[in-house]
Protein backbone atom coordinates (compact mmCIF):
# COMPACT_ATOMS: atom_id res chain seq x y z
CA ARG A 1 -74.79 -31.43 67.68
CA ASN A 2 -76.08 -29.78 70.86
CA PHE A 3 -72.65 -30.05 72.45
CA PHE A 4 -71.14 -28.26 69.44
CA LEU A 5 -73.75 -25.49 69.53
CA ASN A 6 -73.27 -25.04 73.27
CA ARG A 7 -69.52 -24.63 72.77
CA ILE A 8 -70.06 -21.97 70.09
CA TYR A 9 -72.62 -20.21 72.31
CA LYS A 10 -70.25 -20.26 75.29
CA ALA A 11 -67.39 -18.88 73.17
CA LYS A 12 -69.63 -16.07 71.91
CA ILE A 13 -70.66 -15.17 75.47
CA GLU A 14 -67.02 -15.10 76.59
CA GLU A 15 -66.13 -12.90 73.62
CA ALA A 16 -68.99 -10.53 74.43
CA GLU A 17 -67.90 -10.36 78.08
CA ASP A 18 -64.32 -9.57 77.04
CA ASN A 19 -65.56 -6.80 74.74
CA LEU A 20 -67.75 -5.39 77.49
CA ILE A 21 -64.81 -5.33 79.90
CA LYS A 22 -62.60 -3.62 77.28
CA ASP A 23 -65.31 -1.06 76.44
CA THR A 24 -65.97 -0.36 80.12
CA SER A 25 -62.30 0.20 80.89
CA ARG A 26 -62.03 2.48 77.83
CA LEU A 27 -65.04 4.45 79.03
CA LEU A 28 -63.62 4.74 82.56
CA GLY A 29 -60.32 5.89 81.08
CA ALA A 30 -62.10 8.58 79.08
CA VAL A 31 -64.06 9.73 82.14
CA LYS A 32 -60.86 9.88 84.17
CA GLN A 33 -59.10 11.91 81.45
CA TYR A 34 -62.09 14.25 81.26
CA PHE A 35 -62.00 14.95 84.98
CA GLN A 36 -58.22 15.48 84.89
CA LEU A 37 -58.65 17.96 82.04
CA GLU A 38 -61.51 19.67 83.82
CA SER A 39 -59.48 20.13 86.99
CA PHE A 40 -56.55 21.64 85.07
CA ILE A 41 -58.68 23.80 82.78
CA PRO A 42 -61.60 25.19 84.80
CA GLU A 43 -62.96 27.38 81.95
CA TYR A 44 -63.93 24.21 80.09
CA ALA A 45 -65.99 22.93 83.01
CA GLU A 46 -69.15 24.60 81.60
CA LYS A 47 -68.66 22.79 78.27
CA PRO A 48 -68.87 19.12 79.31
CA PHE A 49 -69.08 17.81 75.73
CA PHE A 50 -65.95 19.64 74.58
CA PRO A 51 -63.52 19.48 77.51
CA ALA A 52 -60.44 19.78 75.27
CA LYS A 53 -61.80 22.35 72.81
CA GLY A 54 -59.24 24.90 71.73
CA LEU A 55 -56.21 23.10 73.17
C-alpha cells in the first residue's frame, strides 16, 4: 500500500514540476515579447501593463 501511494505521490510531483517548467517558460516568453514590443514602440514604455494597447 505504501509503495502504491509513493508512486502516486512521485507522479504528482513530476506532473507539478512539468507544469512549473511550462508556466515558467510561458512567463519568460511573455516577458521577452513585452521587451521586444517596448523597444519597437517607445511610447508604450510608460504603460507597462498595456504594452500592445492600440495596436
